[in-house]
């Protein structure tokens, strides 16, 4: 384990303070605003998730440090404007965790209704609507999932998944009608959005995380397209000299290989006694 930094978080807070010093600080760090670094914060959060999925502890430690640096960065900028500081951030999240766990830190006999507690917190922030408090900056599949889940809690939901499938067909037909119309870009955008929104709703109803489902599909596409690249390279044939039909044949070949591998990985079913 690396040598411990003296004073822990205080050392990092001091580093950021010096980087932001108006006279002697780093020109890049001094020029940053919450708006300018927020895209990088999102990137750092995704890199944390990537390290978790890879089960790479060393990378995870590094990425968590990068994410912590961003938290300290925001806190320093807020402190400079007289809004809040890092200690206020820590105090706030500590108070929230204690408030949400009265069965651990208080005298409650059982775990509280967390959704009710969070709804109470939203009302304190004047977010009274059922859909209030869902961040606009979320990836839109996740935001759609959350919007639909909130609506479903108050009874605004489909009765069965197959009804949503019927709705998907309806929305696809509406999209097809706009595709054949000239200069209907805005309408196509609207209908394409409806198709995606309903697909997310079907995933929610089936208790499938749409991000995970799409990630699985992306990985499958990468594997199969990678097979096409590999086979063409082996044949010494560039994409420019390959027809779509030839690529499609290689795609089908990749699917057959995957299916065979899955079949081999499934243990043989036990035989019935004679």
C-alpha atoms as a PDB file:
ATOM      1  CA  UNK A   1       0.000   0.000   0.000  1.00  0.00           C
ATOM      2  CA  UNK A   2       1.294   3.464  -0.896  1.00  0.00           C
ATOM      3  CA  UNK A   3       2.606   5.788   1.810  1.00  0.00           C
ATOM      4  CA  UNK A   4      -0.199   7.681   3.508  1.00  0.00           C
ATOM      5  CA  UNK A   5      -0.495  11.396   2.747  1.00  0.00           C
ATOM      6  CA  UNK A   6      -0.263  13.497   5.863  1.00  0.00           C
ATOM      7  CA  UNK A   7      -3.533  15.136   6.941  1.00  0.00           C
ATOM      8  CA  UNK A   8      -5.575  13.065   4.464  1.00  0.00           C
ATOM      9  CA  UNK A   9      -8.343  15.052   2.808  1.00  0.00           C
ATOM     10  CA  UNK A  10      -6.936  18.335   4.117  1.00  0.00           C
ATOM     11  CA  UNK A  11      -3.899  17.855   1.876  1.00  0.00           C
ATOM     12  CA  UNK A  12      -6.110  17.511  -1.197  1.00  0.00           C
ATOM     13  CA  UNK A  13      -8.166  20.549  -0.193  1.00  0.00           C
ATOM     14  CA  UNK A  14      -4.959  22.556   0.169  1.00  0.00           C
ATOM     15  CA  UNK A  15      -3.698  21.380  -3.237  1.00  0.00           C
ATOM     16  CA  UNK A  16      -6.896  22.539  -4.902  1.00  0.00           C
ATOM     17  CA  UNK A  17      -6.800  25.856  -3.056  1.00  0.00           C
ATOM     18  CA  UNK A  18      -3.273  26.471  -4.335  1.00  0.00           C
ATOM     19  CA  UNK A  19      -4.178  25.420  -7.879  1.00  0.00           C
ATOM     20  CA  UNK A  20      -6.993  27.996  -7.818  1.00  0.00           C
ATOM     21  CA  UNK A  21      -4.908  30.767  -6.233  1.00  0.00           C
ATOM     22  CA  UNK A  22      -5.554  33.944  -8.279  1.00  0.00           C
ATOM     23  CA  UNK A  23      -1.896  34.980  -8.249  1.00  0.00           C
ATOM     24  CA  UNK A  24       0.184  31.795  -8.115  1.00  0.00           C
ATOM     25  CA  UNK A  25      -2.245  29.109  -9.240  1.00  0.00           C
ATOM     26  CA  UNK A  26      -2.436  27.001 -12.401  1.00  0.00           C
ATOM     27  CA  UNK A  27      -3.837  28.959 -15.346  1.00  0.00           C
ATOM     28  CA  UNK A  28      -5.988  26.030 -16.495  1.00  0.00           C
ATOM     29  CA  UNK A  29      -7.418  25.289 -13.044  1.00  0.00           C
ATOM     30  CA  UNK A  30      -8.121  28.986 -12.387  1.00  0.00           C
ATOM     31  CA  UNK A  31     -10.059  29.254 -15.644  1.00  0.00           C
ATOM     32  CA  UNK A  32     -12.436  26.392 -14.873  1.00  0.00           C
ATOM     33  CA  UNK A  33     -16.097  26.756 -13.888  1.00  0.00           C
ATOM     34  CA  UNK A  34     -18.657  24.178 -12.745  1.00  0.00           C
ATOM     35  CA  UNK A  35     -20.056  24.220 -16.268  1.00  0.00           C
ATOM     36  CA  UNK A  36     -16.672  23.613 -17.897  1.00  0.00           C
ATOM     37  CA  UNK A  37     -15.683  20.642 -15.745  1.00  0.00           C
ATOM     38  CA  UNK A  38     -19.067  18.909 -15.473  1.00  0.00           C
ATOM     39  CA  UNK A  39     -18.578  16.926 -18.741  1.00  0.00           C
ATOM     40  CA  UNK A  40     -15.244  15.695 -17.354  1.00  0.00           C
ATOM     41  CA  UNK A  41     -16.949  14.726 -14.088  1.00  0.00           C
ATOM     42  CA  UNK A  42     -19.364  12.556 -16.014  1.00  0.00           C
ATOM     43  CA  UNK A  43     -16.456  10.952 -17.850  1.00  0.00           C
ATOM     44  CA  UNK A  44     -14.687  10.233 -14.550  1.00  0.00           C
ATOM     45  CA  UNK A  45     -17.843   8.610 -13.141  1.00  0.00           C
ATOM     46  CA  UNK A  46     -18.048   6.329 -16.177  1.00  0.00           C
ATOM     47  CA  UNK A  47     -14.389   5.405 -15.732  1.00  0.00           C
ATOM     48  CA  UNK A  48     -15.163   4.393 -12.135  1.00  0.00           C
ATOM     49  CA  UNK A  49     -17.941   2.146 -13.430  1.00  0.00           C
ATOM     50  CA  UNK A  50     -15.609   0.694 -16.050  1.00  0.00           C
ATOM     51  CA  UNK A  51     -13.037  -0.196 -13.380  1.00  0.00           C
ATOM     52  CA  UNK A  52     -15.746  -1.853 -11.273  1.00  0.00           C
ATOM     53  CA  UNK A  53     -16.933  -3.974 -14.191  1.00  0.00           C
ATOM     54  CA  UNK A  54     -13.345  -4.995 -15.007  1.00  0.00           C
ATOM     55  CA  UNK A  55     -12.783  -5.865 -11.319  1.00  0.00           C
ATOM     56  CA  UNK A  56      -9.554  -3.855 -11.543  1.00  0.00           C
ATOM     57  CA  UNK A  57      -8.844  -2.672  -7.987  1.00  0.00           C
ATOM     58  CA  UNK A  58      -5.804  -0.601  -8.949  1.00  0.00           C
ATOM     59  CA  UNK A  59      -7.711   1.221 -11.670  1.00  0.00           C
ATOM     60  CA  UNK A  60     -10.698   1.676  -9.354  1.00  0.00           C
ATOM     61  CA  UNK A  61      -8.495   3.304  -6.702  1.00  0.00           C
ATOM     62  CA  UNK A  62      -7.100   5.716  -9.292  1.00  0.00           C
ATOM     63  CA  UNK A  63     -10.489   6.563 -10.802  1.00  0.00           C
ATOM     64  CA  UNK A  64     -12.051   7.144  -7.380  1.00  0.00           C
ATOM     65  CA  UNK A  65      -9.229   9.584  -6.682  1.00  0.00           C
ATOM     66  CA  UNK A  66      -9.981  11.427  -9.927  1.00  0.00           C
ATOM     67  CA  UNK A  67     -13.663  11.601  -9.018  1.00  0.00           C
ATOM     68  CA  UNK A  68     -12.844  12.825  -5.508  1.00  0.00           C
ATOM     69  CA  UNK A  69     -10.674  15.526  -7.058  1.00  0.00           C
ATOM     70  CA  UNK A  70     -13.684  16.760  -8.986  1.00  0.00           C
ATOM     71  CA  UNK A  71     -15.781  16.939  -5.802  1.00  0.00           C
ATOM     72  CA  UNK A  72     -13.048  18.997  -4.151  1.00  0.00           C
ATOM     73  CA  UNK A  73     -12.861  21.151  -7.310  1.00  0.00           C
ATOM     74  CA  UNK A  74     -16.581  21.995  -7.174  1.00  0.00           C
ATOM     75  CA  UNK A  75     -16.391  22.675  -3.435  1.00  0.00           C
ATOM     76  CA  UNK A  76     -13.452  25.076  -3.860  1.00  0.00           C
ATOM     77  CA  UNK A  77     -15.220  27.005  -6.616  1.00  0.00           C
ATOM     78  CA  UNK A  78     -18.351  27.254  -4.453  1.00  0.00           C
ATOM     79  CA  UNK A  79     -16.276  28.413  -1.477  1.00  0.00           C
ATOM     80  CA  UNK A  80     -14.746  31.180  -3.591  1.00  0.00           C
ATOM     81  CA  UNK A  81     -18.251  32.413  -4.376  1.00  0.00           C
ATOM     82  CA  UNK A  82     -19.389  32.190  -0.750  1.00  0.00           C
ATOM     83  CA  UNK A  83     -21.908  29.421  -1.434  1.00  0.00           C
ATOM     84  CA  UNK A  84     -20.595  26.427   0.546  1.00  0.00           C
ATOM     85  CA  UNK A  85     -17.372  24.535   1.198  1.00  0.00           C
ATOM     86  CA  UNK A  86     -16.229  20.907   1.321  1.00  0.00           C
ATOM     87  CA  UNK A  87     -17.182  20.511   4.983  1.00  0.00           C
ATOM     88  CA  UNK A  88     -20.727  21.620   4.151  1.00  0.00           C
ATOM     89  CA  UNK A  89     -20.874  18.860   1.525  1.00  0.00           C
ATOM     90  CA  UNK A  90     -19.720  16.257   4.054  1.00  0.00           C
ATOM     91  CA  UNK A  91     -22.082  17.525   6.743  1.00  0.00           C
ATOM     92  CA  UNK A  92     -24.995  17.451   4.322  1.00  0.00           C
ATOM     93  CA  UNK A  93     -24.501  13.871   3.168  1.00  0.00           C
ATOM     94  CA  UNK A  94     -23.887  12.679   6.755  1.00  0.00           C
ATOM     95  CA  UNK A  95     -27.145  14.276   7.877  1.00  0.00           C
ATOM     96  CA  UNK A  96     -28.976  12.712   4.931  1.00  0.00           C
ATOM     97  CA  UNK A  97     -27.690   9.201   5.669  1.00  0.00           C
ATOM     98  CA  UNK A  98     -28.598   9.477   9.362  1.00  0.00           C
ATOM     99  CA  UNK A  99     -32.044  10.826   8.468  1.00  0.00           C
ATOM    100  CA  UNK A 100     -32.694   7.998   6.020  1.00  0.00           C
ATOM    101  CA  UNK A 101     -31.587   5.306   8.491  1.00  0.00           C
ATOM    102  CA  UNK A 102     -33.453   5.965  11.757  1.00  0.00           C
ATOM    103  CA  UNK A 103     -33.472   2.216  12.438  1.00  0.00           C
ATOM    104  CA  UNK A 104     -29.650   2.333  12.537  1.00  0.00           C
ATOM    105  CA  UNK A 105     -28.875   5.724  14.051  1.00  0.00           C
ATOM    106  CA  UNK A 106     -32.115   6.345  15.964  1.00  0.00           C
ATOM    107  CA  UNK A 107     -34.834   4.512  17.834  1.00  0.00           C
ATOM    108  CA  UNK A 108     -36.983   3.322  14.920  1.00  0.00           C
ATOM    109  CA  UNK A 109     -37.934  -0.348  15.194  1.00  0.00           C
ATOM    110  CA  UNK A 110     -37.827  -1.085  11.470  1.00  0.00           C
ATOM    111  CA  UNK A 111     -36.465   0.245   8.213  1.00  0.00           C
ATOM    112  CA  UNK A 112     -38.418   3.282   6.963  1.00  0.00           C
ATOM    113  CA  UNK A 113     -40.098   3.710   3.605  1.00  0.00           C
ATOM    114  CA  UNK A 114     -37.182   5.230   1.690  1.00  0.00           C
ATOM    115  CA  UNK A 115     -39.317   6.355  -1.229  1.00  0.00           C
ATOM    116  CA  UNK A 116     -41.554   8.294   1.185  1.00  0.00           C
ATOM    117  CA  UNK A 117     -38.503   9.812   2.858  1.00  0.00           C
ATOM    118  CA  UNK A 118     -37.064  10.878  -0.486  1.00  0.00           C
ATOM    119  CA  UNK A 119     -40.443  12.326  -1.480  1.00  0.00           C
ATOM    120  CA  UNK A 120     -40.450  14.326   1.767  1.00  0.00           C
ATOM    121  CA  UNK A 121     -36.952  15.605   0.944  1.00  0.00           C
ATOM    122  CA  UNK A 122     -38.086  16.657  -2.531  1.00  0.00           C
ATOM    123  CA  UNK A 123     -40.978  18.607  -1.020  1.00  0.00           C
ATOM    124  CA  UNK A 124     -38.510  20.406   1.245  1.00  0.00           C
ATOM    125  CA  UNK A 125     -36.782  21.545  -1.938  1.00  0.00           C
ATOM    126  CA  UNK A 126     -40.146  22.617  -3.402  1.00  0.00           C
ATOM    127  CA  UNK A 127     -40.163  19.651  -5.793  1.00  0.00           C
ATOM    128  CA  UNK A 128     -43.765  18.608  -5.237  1.00  0.00           C
ATOM    129  CA  UNK A 129     -44.531  16.843  -8.524  1.00  0.00           C
ATOM    130  CA  UNK A 130     -44.447  13.077  -8.952  1.00  0.00           C
ATOM    131  CA  UNK A 131     -41.702  13.486 -11.568  1.00  0.00           C
ATOM    132  CA  UNK A 132     -39.753  16.200  -9.723  1.00  0.00           C
ATOM    133  CA  UNK A 133     -36.081  15.793  -8.884  1.00  0.00           C
ATOM    134  CA  UNK A 134     -35.063  13.533 -11.778  1.00  0.00           C
ATOM    135  CA  UNK A 135     -31.884  15.107 -13.145  1.00  0.00           C
ATOM    136  CA  UNK A 136     -32.043  16.418 -16.717  1.00  0.00           C
ATOM    137  CA  UNK A 137     -28.373  15.503 -17.249  1.00  0.00           C
ATOM    138  CA  UNK A 138     -28.902  11.761 -16.748  1.00  0.00           C
ATOM    139  CA  UNK A 139     -28.369   9.496 -19.767  1.00  0.00           C
ATOM    140  CA  UNK A 140     -31.770   9.699 -21.388  1.00  0.00           C
ATOM    141  CA  UNK A 141     -32.530   5.956 -21.278  1.00  0.00           C
ATOM    142  CA  UNK A 142     -32.003   6.073 -17.505  1.00  0.00           C
ATOM    143  CA  UNK A 143     -34.066   9.253 -17.196  1.00  0.00           C
ATOM    144  CA  UNK A 144     -36.908   7.713 -19.219  1.00  0.00           C
ATOM    145  CA  UNK A 145     -36.772   4.621 -16.983  1.00  0.00           C
ATOM    146  CA  UNK A 146     -36.996   6.781 -13.850  1.00  0.00           C
ATOM    147  CA  UNK A 147     -39.826   8.914 -15.240  1.00  0.00           C
ATOM    148  CA  UNK A 148     -41.832   5.820 -16.125  1.00  0.00           C
ATOM    149  CA  UNK A 149     -41.116   4.180 -12.759  1.00  0.00           C
ATOM    150  CA  UNK A 150     -42.300   7.258 -10.856  1.00  0.00           C
ATOM    151  CA  UNK A 151     -45.492   7.414 -12.911  1.00  0.00           C
ATOM    152  CA  UNK A 152     -46.087   3.694 -12.387  1.00  0.00           C
ATOM    153  CA  UNK A 153     -45.949   4.123  -8.592  1.00  0.00           C
ATOM    154  CA  UNK A 154     -49.102   6.242  -8.715  1.00  0.00           C
ATOM    155  CA  UNK A 155     -50.909   3.839 -11.057  1.00  0.00           C
ATOM    156  CA  UNK A 156     -50.054   5.332 -14.459  1.00  0.00           C
ATOM    157  CA  UNK A 157     -48.776   2.089 -15.976  1.00  0.00           C
ATOM    158  CA  UNK A 158     -49.479  -0.580 -18.559  1.00  0.00           C
ATOM    159  CA  UNK A 159     -51.362  -3.624 -17.346  1.00  0.00           C
ATOM    160  CA  UNK A 160     -49.121  -6.117 -19.156  1.00  0.00           C
ATOM    161  CA  UNK A 161     -45.879  -6.145 -21.212  1.00  0.00           C
ATOM    162  CA  UNK A 162     -47.575  -7.356 -24.407  1.00  0.00           C
ATOM    163  CA  UNK A 163     -49.704  -4.206 -24.447  1.00  0.00           C
ATOM    164  CA  UNK A 164     -46.471  -2.217 -24.625  1.00  0.00           C
ATOM    165  CA  UNK A 165     -45.325  -4.398 -27.537  1.00  0.00           C
ATOM    166  CA  UNK A 166     -48.519  -3.405 -29.368  1.00  0.00           C
ATOM    167  CA  UNK A 167     -47.704   0.230 -28.613  1.00  0.00           C
ATOM    168  CA  UNK A 168     -44.209  -0.248 -30.074  1.00  0.00           C
ATOM    169  CA  UNK A 169     -45.758  -1.473 -33.335  1.00  0.00           C
ATOM    170  CA  UNK A 170     -48.040   1.564 -33.337  1.00  0.00           C
ATOM    171  CA  UNK A 171     -45.139   3.973 -32.799  1.00  0.00           C
ATOM    172  CA  UNK A 172     -43.007   2.240 -35.453  1.00  0.00           C
ATOM    173  CA  UNK A 173     -45.820   2.616 -37.973  1.00  0.00           C
ATOM    174  CA  UNK A 174     -46.041   6.320 -37.157  1.00  0.00           C
ATOM    175  CA  UNK A 175     -42.277   6.610 -37.678  1.00  0.00           C
ATOM    176  CA  UNK A 176     -42.539   4.781 -41.022  1.00  0.00           C
ATOM    177  CA  UNK A 177     -45.196   7.259 -42.134  1.00  0.00           C
ATOM    178  CA  UNK A 178     -42.835  10.158 -41.409  1.00  0.00           C
ATOM    179  CA  UNK A 179     -39.817   8.520 -43.059  1.00  0.00           C
ATOM    180  CA  UNK A 180     -41.500   8.610 -46.486  1.00  0.00           C
ATOM    181  CA  UNK A 181     -42.422  12.283 -46.092  1.00  0.00           C
ATOM    182  CA  UNK A 182     -39.918  14.815 -47.478  1.00  0.00           C
ATOM    183  CA  UNK A 183     -38.511  17.467 -45.137  1.00  0.00           C
ATOM    184  CA  UNK A 184     -40.070  15.949 -42.006  1.00  0.00           C
ATOM    185  CA  UNK A 185     -36.898  15.921 -39.906  1.00  0.00           C
ATOM    186  CA  UNK A 186     -38.596  17.321 -36.809  1.00  0.00           C
ATOM    187  CA  UNK A 187     -41.449  14.831 -37.063  1.00  0.00           C
ATOM    188  CA  UNK A 188     -39.012  11.947 -37.514  1.00  0.00           C
ATOM    189  CA  UNK A 189     -37.113  13.068 -34.429  1.00  0.00           C
ATOM    190  CA  UNK A 190     -40.355  13.150 -32.455  1.00  0.00           C
ATOM    191  CA  UNK A 191     -41.501   9.708 -33.606  1.00  0.00           C
ATOM    192  CA  UNK A 192     -38.048   8.170 -33.163  1.00  0.00           C
ATOM    193  CA  UNK A 193     -38.101   9.464 -29.587  1.00  0.00           C
ATOM    194  CA  UNK A 194     -41.503   7.867 -29.021  1.00  0.00           C
ATOM    195  CA  UNK A 195     -40.208   4.495 -30.259  1.00  0.00           C
ATOM    196  CA  UNK A 196     -37.201   4.626 -27.939  1.00  0.00           C
ATOM    197  CA  UNK A 197     -39.312   5.779 -24.983  1.00  0.00           C
ATOM    198  CA  UNK A 198     -41.756   2.911 -25.387  1.00  0.00           C
ATOM    199  CA  UNK A 199     -38.898   0.408 -25.742  1.00  0.00           C
ATOM    200  CA  UNK A 200     -37.497   1.624 -22.418  1.00  0.00           C
ATOM    201  CA  UNK A 201     -40.962   1.246 -20.914  1.00  0.00           C
ATOM    202  CA  UNK A 202     -41.102  -2.370 -22.088  1.00  0.00           C
ATOM    203  CA  UNK A 203     -37.704  -3.024 -20.499  1.00  0.00           C
ATOM    204  CA  UNK A 204     -38.952  -1.513 -17.241  1.00  0.00           C
ATOM    205  CA  UNK A 205     -42.081  -3.664 -17.306  1.00  0.00           C
ATOM    206  CA  UNK A 206     -39.939  -6.760 -17.910  1.00  0.00           C
ATOM    207  CA  UNK A 207     -37.627  -5.686 -15.045  1.00  0.00           C
ATOM    208  CA  UNK A 208     -34.713  -5.329 -17.446  1.00  0.00           C
ATOM    209  CA  UNK A 209     -32.226  -2.485 -17.087  1.00  0.00           C
ATOM    210  CA  UNK A 210     -32.298  -0.837 -20.553  1.00  0.00           C
ATOM    211  CA  UNK A 211     -28.686   0.318 -20.236  1.00  0.00           C
ATOM    212  CA  UNK A 212     -27.567  -3.240 -19.495  1.00  0.00           C
ATOM    213  CA  UNK A 213     -29.667  -4.604 -22.348  1.00  0.00           C
ATOM    214  CA  UNK A 214     -28.154  -2.099 -24.786  1.00  0.00           C
ATOM    215  CA  UNK A 215     -24.673  -2.791 -23.449  1.00  0.00           C
ATOM    216  CA  UNK A 216     -25.232  -6.497 -24.104  1.00  0.00           C
ATOM    217  CA  UNK A 217     -26.380  -5.705 -27.655  1.00  0.00           C
ATOM    218  CA  UNK A 218     -23.362  -3.439 -28.228  1.00  0.00           C
ATOM    219  CA  UNK A 219     -20.990  -6.180 -27.090  1.00  0.00           C
ATOM    220  CA  UNK A 220     -22.713  -8.675 -29.372  1.00  0.00           C
ATOM    221  CA  UNK A 221     -22.390  -6.305 -32.331  1.00  0.00           C
ATOM    222  CA  UNK A 222     -18.691  -5.734 -31.569  1.00  0.00           C
ATOM    223  CA  UNK A 223     -18.014  -9.478 -31.426  1.00  0.00           C
ATOM    224  CA  UNK A 224     -19.782 -10.222 -34.689  1.00  0.00           C
ATOM    225  CA  UNK A 225     -18.353  -7.259 -36.568  1.00  0.00           C
ATOM    226  CA  UNK A 226     -14.934  -8.207 -35.179  1.00  0.00           C
ATOM    227  CA  UNK A 227     -15.413 -11.644 -36.734  1.00  0.00           C
ATOM    228  CA  UNK A 228     -16.070 -10.002 -40.111  1.00  0.00           C
ATOM    229  CA  UNK A 229     -12.870  -7.942 -39.784  1.00  0.00           C
ATOM    230  CA  UNK A 230     -10.853 -10.996 -38.769  1.00  0.00           C
ATOM    231  CA  UNK A 231     -12.082 -13.130 -41.664  1.00  0.00           C
ATOM    232  CA  UNK A 232     -11.512 -10.380 -44.209  1.00  0.00           C
ATOM    233  CA  UNK A 233      -8.012  -9.787 -42.872  1.00  0.00           C
ATOM    234  CA  UNK A 234      -7.266 -13.504 -43.134  1.00  0.00           C
ATOM    235  CA  UNK A 235      -8.443 -13.408 -46.753  1.00  0.00           C
ATOM    236  CA  UNK A 236      -6.411 -10.277 -47.478  1.00  0.00           C
ATOM    237  CA  UNK A 237      -9.545  -8.485 -48.625  1.00  0.00           C
ATOM    238  CA  UNK A 238     -10.270  -4.848 -47.657  1.00  0.00           C
ATOM    239  CA  UNK A 239     -13.777  -3.660 -46.831  1.00  0.00           C
ATOM    240  CA  UNK A 240     -13.786  -1.519 -49.985  1.00  0.00           C
ATOM    241  CA  UNK A 241     -13.621  -4.662 -52.109  1.00  0.00           C
ATOM    242  CA  UNK A 242     -16.212  -6.596 -50.104  1.00  0.00           C
ATOM    243  CA  UNK A 243     -19.890  -6.610 -50.987  1.00  0.00           C
ATOM    244  CA  UNK A 244     -22.633  -6.190 -48.432  1.00  0.00           C
ATOM    245  CA  UNK A 245     -23.817  -9.726 -49.209  1.00  0.00           C
ATOM    246  CA  UNK A 246     -20.360 -11.112 -48.393  1.00  0.00           C
ATOM    247  CA  UNK A 247     -20.270  -9.223 -45.106  1.00  0.00           C
ATOM    248  CA  UNK A 248     -23.756 -10.463 -44.284  1.00  0.00           C
ATOM    249  CA  UNK A 249     -22.626 -14.051 -44.880  1.00  0.00           C
ATOM    250  CA  UNK A 250     -19.744 -13.552 -42.449  1.00  0.00           C
ATOM    251  CA  UNK A 251     -22.162 -12.010 -39.943  1.00  0.00           C
ATOM    252  CA  UNK A 252     -24.364 -15.119 -40.156  1.00  0.00           C
ATOM    253  CA  UNK A 253     -21.230 -17.245 -39.755  1.00  0.00           C
ATOM    254  CA  UNK A 254     -20.382 -15.344 -36.545  1.00  0.00           C
ATOM    255  CA  UNK A 255     -23.897 -15.961 -35.213  1.00  0.00           C
ATOM    256  CA  UNK A 256     -23.579 -19.695 -35.901  1.00  0.00           C
ATOM    257  CA  UNK A 257     -20.217 -19.820 -34.111  1.00  0.00           C
ATOM    258  CA  UNK A 258     -21.684 -18.049 -31.071  1.00  0.00           C
ATOM    259  CA  UNK A 259     -24.661 -20.391 -31.022  1.00  0.00           C
ATOM    260  CA  UNK A 260     -22.371 -23.436 -31.190  1.00  0.00           C
ATOM    261  CA  UNK A 261     -20.238 -22.099 -28.337  1.00  0.00           C
ATOM    262  CA  UNK A 262     -23.338 -21.533 -26.197  1.00  0.00           C
ATOM    263  CA  UNK A 263     -24.542 -25.057 -26.941  1.00  0.00           C
ATOM    264  CA  UNK A 264     -21.164 -26.522 -25.913  1.00  0.00           C
ATOM    265  CA  UNK A 265     -21.176 -24.525 -22.667  1.00  0.00           C
ATOM    266  CA  UNK A 266     -24.534 -25.963 -21.525  1.00  0.00           C
ATOM    267  CA  UNK A 267     -24.044 -29.186 -19.522  1.00  0.00           C
ATOM    268  CA  UNK A 268     -25.703 -32.276 -20.918  1.00  0.00           C
ATOM    269  CA  UNK A 269     -29.112 -32.864 -19.413  1.00  0.00           C
ATOM    270  CA  UNK A 270     -29.310 -35.958 -17.155  1.00  0.00           C
ATOM    271  CA  UNK A 271     -30.602 -39.039 -18.894  1.00  0.00           C
ATOM    272  CA  UNK A 272     -33.796 -40.716 -17.718  1.00  0.00           C
ATOM    273  CA  UNK A 273     -33.361 -44.047 -15.980  1.00  0.00           C
ATOM    274  CA  UNK A 274     -34.415 -46.946 -18.193  1.00  0.00           C
END
